N, C-alpha and C. Protein backbone atom coordinates (compact mmCIF):
# COMPACT_ATOMS: atom_id res chain seq x y z
N UNK A 1 91.67 105.43 143.80
CA UNK A 1 92.06 105.52 142.45
C UNK A 1 91.79 103.97 141.85
N UNK A 2 91.45 103.75 140.75
CA UNK A 2 91.10 102.62 140.21
C UNK A 2 92.29 101.83 139.50
N UNK A 3 92.41 100.93 139.90
CA UNK A 3 93.63 99.96 139.43
C UNK A 3 93.09 98.47 138.82
N UNK A 4 93.42 98.39 137.46
CA UNK A 4 93.27 96.90 136.97
C UNK A 4 94.51 96.29 136.60
N UNK A 5 95.08 95.33 137.12
CA UNK A 5 96.23 94.64 136.83
C UNK A 5 96.05 93.22 136.45
N UNK A 6 96.51 92.94 135.21
CA UNK A 6 96.51 91.70 134.58
C UNK A 6 97.82 90.89 134.90
N UNK A 7 97.49 89.62 135.03
CA UNK A 7 98.71 88.61 135.08
C UNK A 7 98.20 87.53 134.46
N UNK A 8 99.60 86.55 134.34
CA UNK A 8 99.04 85.20 133.78
C UNK A 8 99.80 84.99 132.49
N UNK A 9 100.20 85.93 131.65
CA UNK A 9 100.40 85.74 130.21
C UNK A 9 101.83 85.31 130.12
N UNK A 10 102.22 84.89 129.03
CA UNK A 10 103.51 84.22 128.70
C UNK A 10 103.73 83.66 127.33
N UNK A 11 104.76 82.95 127.31
CA UNK A 11 105.01 82.28 125.79
C UNK A 11 104.83 81.06 126.00
N UNK A 12 104.06 80.24 125.07
CA UNK A 12 103.50 78.93 125.09
C UNK A 12 103.55 78.42 123.88
N UNK A 13 103.36 77.21 123.58
CA UNK A 13 103.17 76.67 122.18
C UNK A 13 101.77 76.30 122.24
N UNK A 14 101.69 76.26 120.84
CA UNK A 14 100.13 76.06 120.46
C UNK A 14 99.58 74.71 120.86
N UNK A 15 98.25 74.88 121.25
CA UNK A 15 97.57 73.91 121.82
C UNK A 15 97.52 73.80 123.38
N UNK A 16 98.24 74.52 124.08
CA UNK A 16 98.31 74.73 125.37
C UNK A 16 97.22 75.33 126.05
N UNK A 17 97.14 75.54 127.39
CA UNK A 17 96.18 76.59 127.85
C UNK A 17 96.91 77.63 128.84
N UNK A 18 96.47 78.48 129.03
CA UNK A 18 96.90 79.64 130.14
C UNK A 18 95.63 80.23 130.71
N UNK A 19 95.68 80.79 131.69
CA UNK A 19 94.80 81.58 132.46
C UNK A 19 95.10 82.83 132.93
N UNK A 20 94.44 83.85 132.44
CA UNK A 20 94.81 85.20 132.66
C UNK A 20 93.93 85.54 134.15
N UNK A 21 94.29 86.41 134.88
CA UNK A 21 93.82 87.05 135.97
C UNK A 21 93.87 88.77 135.89
N UNK A 22 92.86 89.12 136.36
CA UNK A 22 92.97 90.82 136.44
C UNK A 22 92.30 91.09 137.93
N UNK A 23 92.99 91.81 138.57
CA UNK A 23 92.55 91.83 139.82
C UNK A 23 92.31 93.50 139.91
N UNK A 24 91.06 93.89 140.53
CA UNK A 24 90.59 95.20 140.48
C UNK A 24 90.67 95.65 141.83
N UNK A 25 91.08 97.13 141.91
CA UNK A 25 90.86 97.93 143.19
C UNK A 25 90.45 99.15 143.05
N UNK A 26 89.95 99.97 143.91
CA UNK A 26 89.72 101.28 143.98
C UNK A 26 88.13 101.20 143.45
N UNK A 27 87.32 100.26 143.12
CA UNK A 27 86.16 100.71 142.69
C UNK A 27 85.35 99.42 143.25
N UNK A 28 83.90 99.35 143.48
CA UNK A 28 83.05 98.54 143.54
C UNK A 28 82.85 97.42 142.49
N UNK A 29 83.67 96.27 142.77
CA UNK A 29 83.99 95.59 141.69
C UNK A 29 82.67 94.87 140.86
N UNK A 30 81.77 94.64 141.97
CA UNK A 30 80.50 93.85 141.75
C UNK A 30 79.58 94.79 140.81
N UNK A 31 79.91 96.06 140.94
CA UNK A 31 78.91 97.04 140.09
C UNK A 31 79.18 97.14 138.83
N UNK A 32 80.26 96.29 138.36
CA UNK A 32 80.95 96.41 137.04
C UNK A 32 80.88 95.30 136.06
N UNK A 33 80.37 95.15 135.04
CA UNK A 33 80.49 94.26 134.06
C UNK A 33 82.14 94.12 133.68
N UNK A 34 82.64 93.29 133.57
CA UNK A 34 84.09 93.17 132.97
C UNK A 34 84.20 92.51 131.51
N UNK A 35 85.38 93.22 131.12
CA UNK A 35 85.60 92.69 129.60
C UNK A 35 87.06 92.38 129.46
N UNK A 36 87.51 91.35 128.42
CA UNK A 36 88.85 91.12 128.02
C UNK A 36 88.81 91.56 126.54
N UNK A 37 89.78 92.29 126.26
CA UNK A 37 90.16 92.72 124.86
C UNK A 37 91.73 92.22 124.61
N UNK A 38 91.75 92.26 123.34
CA UNK A 38 93.48 92.02 122.93
C UNK A 38 93.72 92.84 121.91
N UNK A 39 94.92 93.22 121.80
CA UNK A 39 95.79 93.83 120.55
C UNK A 39 96.96 93.26 120.12
N UNK A 40 96.81 92.94 118.95
CA UNK A 40 97.98 92.46 118.17
C UNK A 40 98.98 93.29 117.58
N UNK A 41 99.98 93.19 117.25
CA UNK A 41 100.77 94.48 116.62
C UNK A 41 100.36 94.85 115.29
N UNK A 42 100.29 96.20 115.16
CA UNK A 42 99.66 96.47 113.84
C UNK A 42 98.13 96.50 113.81
N UNK A 43 97.41 96.11 114.77
CA UNK A 43 96.14 95.86 114.69
C UNK A 43 95.21 96.57 115.80
N UNK A 44 93.89 96.81 115.40
CA UNK A 44 93.16 97.48 116.68
C UNK A 44 92.92 96.74 117.68
N UNK A 45 92.67 97.17 118.71
CA UNK A 45 92.32 96.45 119.77
C UNK A 45 90.82 95.73 119.73
N UNK A 46 90.70 94.44 120.22
CA UNK A 46 89.48 93.92 119.56
C UNK A 46 88.86 93.02 120.91
N UNK A 47 87.63 93.01 120.79
CA UNK A 47 86.86 92.15 121.90
C UNK A 47 87.15 90.84 122.10
N UNK A 48 87.18 90.37 123.16
CA UNK A 48 87.42 88.82 123.40
C UNK A 48 86.39 88.28 123.99
N UNK A 49 85.98 88.89 125.17
CA UNK A 49 84.98 88.27 126.05
C UNK A 49 84.41 89.28 127.12
N UNK A 50 83.14 89.14 127.48
CA UNK A 50 82.59 90.02 128.70
C UNK A 50 81.79 89.26 129.59
N UNK A 51 81.63 89.64 130.85
CA UNK A 51 81.16 89.02 131.83
C UNK A 51 80.10 90.00 132.64
N UNK A 52 78.90 89.63 132.91
CA UNK A 52 77.78 90.69 133.48
C UNK A 52 78.41 90.85 135.17
N UNK A 53 77.69 91.72 135.72
CA UNK A 53 77.94 92.05 137.19
C UNK A 53 78.23 90.84 137.99
N UNK A 54 77.20 90.03 137.88
CA UNK A 54 76.59 88.96 138.96
C UNK A 54 77.59 87.82 138.23
N UNK A 55 77.94 87.58 137.01
CA UNK A 55 78.67 86.67 136.39
C UNK A 55 77.73 85.43 135.79
N UNK A 56 76.49 85.81 135.69
CA UNK A 56 75.64 85.06 135.17
C UNK A 56 75.66 84.81 133.45
N UNK A 57 75.80 86.22 133.05
CA UNK A 57 75.81 86.31 131.58
C UNK A 57 77.06 86.72 130.95
N UNK A 58 77.61 85.97 129.71
CA UNK A 58 78.61 85.88 129.04
C UNK A 58 78.61 86.20 127.82
N UNK A 59 79.26 86.78 127.08
CA UNK A 59 79.58 86.79 125.49
C UNK A 59 80.98 86.90 125.16
N UNK A 60 81.27 86.14 123.97
CA UNK A 60 82.63 85.89 123.30
C UNK A 60 82.60 86.30 122.11
N UNK A 61 83.78 86.78 121.44
CA UNK A 61 84.01 86.97 119.96
C UNK A 61 83.89 85.65 119.25
N UNK A 62 83.42 85.45 118.15
CA UNK A 62 83.36 84.38 117.26
C UNK A 62 84.83 83.62 117.19
N UNK A 63 85.88 84.32 117.42
CA UNK A 63 87.09 83.62 117.25
C UNK A 63 87.47 82.88 118.32
N UNK A 64 86.98 83.05 119.60
CA UNK A 64 87.38 82.48 120.74
C UNK A 64 86.38 81.68 121.33
N UNK A 65 85.15 81.57 120.68
CA UNK A 65 84.06 80.79 121.22
C UNK A 65 84.17 79.40 121.21
N UNK A 66 84.09 78.87 122.55
CA UNK A 66 84.37 77.29 122.73
C UNK A 66 85.74 76.92 123.16
N UNK A 67 86.62 77.92 122.94
CA UNK A 67 88.16 77.71 123.71
C UNK A 67 88.39 78.57 124.83
N UNK A 68 87.71 79.87 124.81
CA UNK A 68 87.98 80.67 125.93
C UNK A 68 86.81 80.74 126.89
N UNK A 69 87.05 81.05 128.34
CA UNK A 69 86.01 80.99 129.27
C UNK A 69 86.47 82.25 130.13
N UNK A 70 85.51 83.15 130.31
CA UNK A 70 85.58 84.22 131.00
C UNK A 70 84.81 83.90 132.54
N UNK A 71 85.35 84.34 133.44
CA UNK A 71 84.76 84.14 134.99
C UNK A 71 85.05 85.22 135.85
N UNK A 72 84.33 85.20 137.08
CA UNK A 72 84.81 86.22 137.83
C UNK A 72 84.60 85.76 139.35
N UNK A 73 85.13 86.25 140.35
CA UNK A 73 85.08 85.91 141.83
C UNK A 73 84.92 87.33 142.19
N UNK A 74 83.58 87.71 142.62
CA UNK A 74 83.58 89.12 143.26
C UNK A 74 84.02 89.26 144.54
N UNK A 75 84.11 88.15 145.06
CA UNK A 75 84.54 88.19 146.78
C UNK A 75 86.27 88.44 146.59
N UNK A 76 86.82 88.22 145.45
CA UNK A 76 88.17 88.48 145.49
C UNK A 76 88.60 89.59 144.49
N UNK A 77 87.25 90.24 143.91
CA UNK A 77 87.64 91.43 143.01
C UNK A 77 88.48 91.11 141.59
N UNK A 78 88.41 90.01 141.35
CA UNK A 78 89.03 89.34 140.15
C UNK A 78 88.21 88.96 139.08
N UNK A 79 88.78 89.06 137.88
CA UNK A 79 88.36 88.30 136.66
C UNK A 79 89.24 87.66 135.84
N UNK A 80 88.58 86.45 135.52
CA UNK A 80 89.51 85.39 134.83
C UNK A 80 89.13 85.19 133.25
N UNK A 81 90.26 84.60 132.39
CA UNK A 81 90.11 84.46 131.25
C UNK A 81 90.98 83.18 131.02
N UNK A 82 90.03 82.03 131.06
CA UNK A 82 90.58 80.62 130.84
C UNK A 82 90.95 80.43 129.17
N UNK A 83 92.02 80.15 128.69
CA UNK A 83 92.16 80.12 127.36
C UNK A 83 92.93 78.83 127.15
N UNK A 84 91.98 77.97 126.30
CA UNK A 84 92.43 76.53 126.07
C UNK A 84 92.80 76.71 124.53
N UNK A 85 93.48 75.47 123.98
CA UNK A 85 93.74 75.14 122.70
C UNK A 85 94.27 76.40 121.92
N UNK A 86 95.27 77.01 122.58
CA UNK A 86 95.77 78.46 122.01
C UNK A 86 96.37 78.30 120.46
N UNK A 87 96.03 79.07 119.89
CA UNK A 87 96.60 79.27 118.61
C UNK A 87 97.52 80.44 118.26
N UNK A 88 98.47 80.17 117.36
CA UNK A 88 99.43 81.38 117.08
C UNK A 88 98.75 82.70 116.97
N UNK A 89 97.48 82.82 116.37
CA UNK A 89 96.84 83.95 115.87
C UNK A 89 96.16 84.50 117.26
N UNK A 90 96.06 84.04 118.54
CA UNK A 90 95.68 84.45 119.79
C UNK A 90 97.03 85.25 120.30
N UNK A 91 98.09 85.44 119.58
CA UNK A 91 99.21 86.38 120.09
C UNK A 91 98.86 87.66 120.15
N UNK A 92 98.93 88.30 121.38
CA UNK A 92 98.45 89.69 121.62
C UNK A 92 98.75 90.02 122.93
N UNK A 93 98.58 91.49 123.15
CA UNK A 93 98.60 91.99 124.71
C UNK A 93 97.10 91.83 124.91
N UNK A 94 96.64 91.21 126.09
CA UNK A 94 95.41 90.95 126.71
C UNK A 94 95.37 91.96 127.72
N UNK A 95 94.10 92.78 127.70
CA UNK A 95 93.60 93.96 128.53
C UNK A 95 92.35 93.47 129.14
N UNK A 96 92.19 93.72 130.56
CA UNK A 96 90.81 93.65 131.02
C UNK A 96 90.20 95.15 131.17
N UNK A 97 89.00 95.24 131.35
CA UNK A 97 88.44 96.48 131.23
C UNK A 97 87.13 96.24 132.02
N UNK A 98 86.62 97.54 132.68
CA UNK A 98 85.58 97.66 133.59
C UNK A 98 84.34 98.55 133.00
N UNK A 99 83.48 98.07 132.78
CA UNK A 99 82.30 98.69 132.34
C UNK A 99 81.07 99.11 133.58
N UNK A 100 81.06 100.48 133.73
CA UNK A 100 79.98 100.66 134.82
C UNK A 100 78.60 100.67 134.40
N UNK A 101 78.29 100.70 133.05
CA UNK A 101 76.91 100.69 132.44
C UNK A 101 76.50 102.01 132.33
N UNK A 102 77.25 102.98 132.54
CA UNK A 102 76.93 104.41 132.53
C UNK A 102 77.49 105.18 131.37
N UNK A 103 78.53 104.68 130.73
CA UNK A 103 79.28 105.10 129.75
C UNK A 103 78.84 104.76 128.28
N UNK A 104 78.43 105.76 127.36
CA UNK A 104 77.99 105.25 126.20
C UNK A 104 77.34 104.00 126.11
N UNK A 105 76.08 104.10 126.92
CA UNK A 105 75.21 103.17 127.09
C UNK A 105 74.61 102.62 125.78
N UNK A 106 74.55 103.43 124.78
CA UNK A 106 73.86 102.99 123.45
C UNK A 106 74.96 102.05 122.58
N UNK A 107 76.22 102.13 123.09
CA UNK A 107 76.99 101.23 122.03
C UNK A 107 77.18 99.80 122.55
N UNK A 108 77.53 99.18 121.53
CA UNK A 108 78.04 97.52 122.02
C UNK A 108 78.97 97.35 122.93
N UNK A 109 78.49 96.41 123.81
CA UNK A 109 79.87 96.19 124.76
C UNK A 109 80.98 95.50 124.10
N UNK A 110 81.00 95.31 122.84
CA UNK A 110 82.11 94.88 122.24
C UNK A 110 83.08 95.98 121.60
N UNK A 111 82.73 97.07 122.11
CA UNK A 111 83.28 98.42 121.63
C UNK A 111 84.23 99.03 122.74
N UNK A 112 85.36 99.49 122.73
CA UNK A 112 86.34 99.93 123.58
C UNK A 112 85.78 101.06 124.41
N UNK A 113 84.91 102.07 123.66
CA UNK A 113 84.49 103.39 124.36
C UNK A 113 83.47 102.85 125.34
N UNK A 114 82.83 101.70 125.50
CA UNK A 114 82.00 101.49 126.26
C UNK A 114 82.43 101.31 127.80
N UNK A 115 83.85 101.12 127.92
CA UNK A 115 84.39 100.70 129.11
C UNK A 115 85.28 102.08 129.88
N UNK A 116 84.84 101.83 131.07
CA UNK A 116 85.56 103.17 131.92
C UNK A 116 86.90 102.94 132.22
N UNK A 117 87.25 101.80 132.60
CA UNK A 117 88.62 101.55 132.98
C UNK A 117 89.55 100.41 132.36
N UNK A 118 90.77 100.76 132.25
CA UNK A 118 91.57 99.50 131.46
C UNK A 118 92.75 99.21 132.31
N UNK A 119 93.21 97.90 132.26
CA UNK A 119 94.61 97.60 132.81
C UNK A 119 95.65 97.79 131.86
N UNK A 120 96.74 97.78 132.03
CA UNK A 120 98.13 97.91 131.42
C UNK A 120 98.49 96.85 130.40
N UNK A 121 97.61 95.52 130.51
CA UNK A 121 97.81 94.70 129.40
C UNK A 121 98.97 93.57 130.08
N UNK A 122 98.59 92.05 129.42
CA UNK A 122 99.52 91.28 129.61
C UNK A 122 99.67 90.70 128.32
N UNK A 123 101.23 90.28 128.10
CA UNK A 123 101.45 89.69 126.70
C UNK A 123 101.27 88.44 126.64
N UNK A 124 100.73 87.71 125.72
CA UNK A 124 100.52 86.33 125.48
C UNK A 124 101.02 86.14 124.12
N UNK A 125 101.83 85.27 123.99
CA UNK A 125 102.80 84.64 122.65
C UNK A 125 102.61 83.10 122.44
N UNK A 126 102.02 82.93 121.59
CA UNK A 126 101.60 81.47 121.02
C UNK A 126 102.40 81.09 119.91
N UNK A 127 103.54 80.18 119.92
CA UNK A 127 104.43 79.82 118.94
C UNK A 127 103.81 78.72 118.38
N UNK A 128 103.95 78.39 117.00
CA UNK A 128 103.56 77.28 116.22
C UNK A 128 104.62 76.08 116.59
């Protein structure tokens, strides 16, 4: 049974940093590209960042580029999202996701239907 468990969310003030973690089990972690998405109240789930299987390639949404960094430790089956200079508009539930590369391969990595597995999410709230 595949599990993705996010942690590290919380209530913070604007300008500070948080690091989210996502621990994976039940899959060969190094065979999956990993993504972070977020969903604010009343909005659709949106792409935040993605990292390739080996960790060499990364992509970011324009709204977080330069502030967020995605990384992974394949030895620990964990993907991270370092979030700096947080803004109130970053408030959302953050989800990690796993992409086998075999699902909807013709779609963009920024689409949710590209991903095979999802975590339950962790809440990030940024106050002004």
